[in-house]
C-alpha atoms as a PDB file:
ATOM      1  CA  MET A   1       0.654   2.032  -9.974  1.00  0.00           C
ATOM      2  CA  GLU A   2       1.288  -1.219  -8.161  1.00  0.00           C
ATOM      3  CA  LYS A   3      -0.925  -2.209  -5.095  1.00  0.00           C
ATOM      4  CA  PRO A   4       0.636  -1.250  -1.616  1.00  0.00           C
ATOM      5  CA  ILE A   5       1.537  -4.759  -0.205  1.00  0.00           C
ATOM      6  CA  TRP A   6      -1.478  -5.883   2.589  1.00  0.00           C
ATOM      7  CA  GLY A   7      -1.365  -3.606   5.590  1.00  0.00           C
ATOM      8  CA  GLN A   8       0.925  -1.015   4.304  1.00  0.00           C
ATOM      9  CA  GLU A   9      -1.575   1.169   2.888  1.00  0.00           C
ATOM     10  CA  ASP A  10      -0.741   4.074   5.164  1.00  0.00           C
ATOM     11  CA  ILE A  11       0.573   6.828   2.791  1.00  0.00           C
ATOM     12  CA  GLY A  12       2.122   9.231   5.159  1.00  0.00           C
ATOM     13  CA  GLY A  13       0.507  12.457   6.672  1.00  0.00           C
ATOM     14  CA  SER A  14      -0.744  14.505   3.656  1.00  0.00           C
ATOM     15  CA  ILE A  15      -4.510  15.522   3.067  1.00  0.00           C
ATOM     16  CA  PRO A  16      -4.689  14.718  -0.839  1.00  0.00           C
ATOM     17  CA  SER A  17      -5.704  17.724  -2.939  1.00  0.00           C
ATOM     18  CA  GLY A  18      -9.358  19.162  -2.287  1.00  0.00           C
ATOM     19  CA  LYS A  19      -9.549  17.264   0.996  1.00  0.00           C
ATOM     20  CA  GLU A  20      -9.169  20.049   3.336  1.00  0.00           C
ATOM     21  CA  GLN A  21     -11.810  21.660   1.211  1.00  0.00           C
ATOM     22  CA  GLU A  22     -14.370  18.515   1.558  1.00  0.00           C
ATOM     23  CA  MET A  23     -13.335  18.395   5.519  1.00  0.00           C
ATOM     24  CA  ILE A  24     -14.739  21.901   6.041  1.00  0.00           C
ATOM     25  CA  GLU A  25     -17.730  21.158   3.559  1.00  0.00           C
ATOM     26  CA  ALA A  26     -18.730  18.048   5.349  1.00  0.00           C
ATOM     27  CA  TYR A  27     -18.358  19.366   8.835  1.00  0.00           C
ATOM     28  CA  GLY A  28     -19.793  22.726   7.535  1.00  0.00           C
ATOM     29  CA  ARG A  29     -17.070  24.682   9.664  1.00  0.00           C
ATOM     30  CA  LYS A  30     -13.587  25.140  10.029  1.00  0.00           C
ATOM     31  CA  PHE A  31     -11.829  23.825  12.954  1.00  0.00           C
ATOM     32  CA  GLU A  32     -10.860  26.153  15.645  1.00  0.00           C
ATOM     33  CA  ILE A  33      -7.919  24.610  17.603  1.00  0.00           C
ATOM     34  CA  ALA A  34      -4.237  25.618  18.945  1.00  0.00           C
ATOM     35  CA  GLU A  35      -1.623  25.657  15.410  1.00  0.00           C
ATOM     36  CA  ASP A  36       0.809  23.592  17.539  1.00  0.00           C
ATOM     37  CA  VAL A  37      -1.985  20.438  18.022  1.00  0.00           C
ATOM     38  CA  LYS A  38      -3.035  20.965  14.475  1.00  0.00           C
ATOM     39  CA  LYS A  39       0.553  20.806  13.490  1.00  0.00           C
ATOM     40  CA  VAL A  40       1.153  17.387  15.450  1.00  0.00           C
ATOM     41  CA  ILE A  41      -2.391  15.950  13.850  1.00  0.00           C
ATOM     42  CA  ASP A  42      -1.203  16.983  10.747  1.00  0.00           C
ATOM     43  CA  GLY A  43       1.659  15.438  10.816  1.00  0.00           C
ATOM     44  CA  MET A  44      -0.020  11.923  11.912  1.00  0.00           C
ATOM     45  CA  GLY A  45      -0.595   9.385   8.477  1.00  0.00           C
ATOM     46  CA  GLN A  46      -3.756   7.227   8.468  1.00  0.00           C
ATOM     47  CA  TYR A  47      -2.104   4.186  10.468  1.00  0.00           C
ATOM     48  CA  GLU A  48      -1.255   6.697  13.247  1.00  0.00           C
ATOM     49  CA  LEU A  49      -4.305   8.078  13.452  1.00  0.00           C
ATOM     50  CA  ALA A  50      -6.243   4.576  13.402  1.00  0.00           C
ATOM     51  CA  CYS A  51      -3.976   3.571  16.430  1.00  0.00           C
ATOM     52  CA  MET A  52      -5.206   6.736  18.067  1.00  0.00           C
ATOM     53  CA  VAL A  53      -8.903   6.207  17.058  1.00  0.00           C
ATOM     54  CA  ARG A  54      -8.735   2.578  18.097  1.00  0.00           C
ATOM     55  CA  PHE A  55      -6.286   2.601  21.215  1.00  0.00           C
ATOM     56  CA  ALA A  56      -6.151   6.116  22.899  1.00  0.00           C
ATOM     57  CA  PRO A  57      -7.400   5.979  26.424  1.00  0.00           C
ATOM     58  CA  ALA A  58     -10.305   7.854  27.824  1.00  0.00           C
ATOM     59  CA  GLY A  59      -9.787  11.722  28.430  1.00  0.00           C
ATOM     60  CA  THR A  60      -6.742  11.732  25.808  1.00  0.00           C
ATOM     61  CA  PRO A  61      -6.320  15.504  24.531  1.00  0.00           C
ATOM     62  CA  LEU A  62      -5.801  14.551  21.044  1.00  0.00           C
ATOM     63  CA  MET A  63      -9.229  12.779  21.264  1.00  0.00           C
ATOM     64  CA  CYS A  64     -11.263  15.250  23.138  1.00  0.00           C
ATOM     65  CA  GLY A  65     -13.402  18.165  22.156  1.00  0.00           C
ATOM     66  CA  GLU A  66     -12.737  20.189  19.244  1.00  0.00           C
ATOM     67  CA  ASN A  67      -9.075  18.228  18.652  1.00  0.00           C
ATOM     68  CA  GLY A  68     -10.783  14.841  18.708  1.00  0.00           C
ATOM     69  CA  ASP A  69     -13.295  16.527  16.144  1.00  0.00           C
ATOM     70  CA  TYR A  70     -10.304  17.613  13.912  1.00  0.00           C
ATOM     71  CA  LEU A  71      -8.570  14.344  14.274  1.00  0.00           C
ATOM     72  CA  LEU A  72     -11.432  12.089  13.368  1.00  0.00           C
ATOM     73  CA  ALA A  73     -12.405  14.771  10.342  1.00  0.00           C
ATOM     74  CA  ARG A  74      -8.413  14.196   9.107  1.00  0.00           C
ATOM     75  CA  PHE A  75      -8.552  10.646   9.613  1.00  0.00           C
ATOM     76  CA  ARG A  76     -11.917  10.171   7.308  1.00  0.00           C
ATOM     77  CA  ALA A  77     -10.367  12.300   5.053  1.00  0.00           C
ATOM     78  CA  LEU A  78      -7.163   9.872   4.770  1.00  0.00           C
ATOM     79  CA  GLY A  79      -9.367   7.070   4.292  1.00  0.00           C
ATOM     80  CA  GLY A  80     -10.271   6.250   7.816  1.00  0.00           C
ATOM     81  CA  MET A  81     -10.028   2.512   8.839  1.00  0.00           C
ATOM     82  CA  ALA A  82      -9.325   0.493   6.018  1.00  0.00           C
ATOM     83  CA  THR A  83      -9.271  -2.972   6.167  1.00  0.00           C
ATOM     84  CA  GLY A  84      -5.882  -3.646   6.095  1.00  0.00           C
ATOM     85  CA  ILE A  85      -4.770  -0.961   8.675  1.00  0.00           C
ATOM     86  CA  SER A  86      -7.560  -2.409  10.939  1.00  0.00           C
ATOM     87  CA  LYS A  87      -5.976  -6.104  10.361  1.00  0.00           C
ATOM     88  CA  ARG A  88      -2.558  -4.424  10.953  1.00  0.00           C
ATOM     89  CA  ILE A  89      -3.127  -3.003  14.122  1.00  0.00           C
ATOM     90  CA  GLY A  90      -5.378  -5.702  15.918  1.00  0.00           C
ATOM     91  CA  TRP A  91      -7.104  -5.236  18.701  1.00  0.00           C
END
């Protein structure tokens, strides 16, 4: 498999096989959030989630409470803040 070009490691929105169960085991529970919110978060790739984590203003509904817990768990399941993504989005 060819290595991605620097800063282009975002591979889309699906969690790799088995990661959903790892999320449940790591956090000791399933997340109780509305299906429409879950669908929005699940549709975001690693790059989009990284932008949310870094730049979302305080109080952003997707980053608060149970929604935020799920968003962060999904972000970590996709690989978290990879160096290439961090450099690509800047500060």
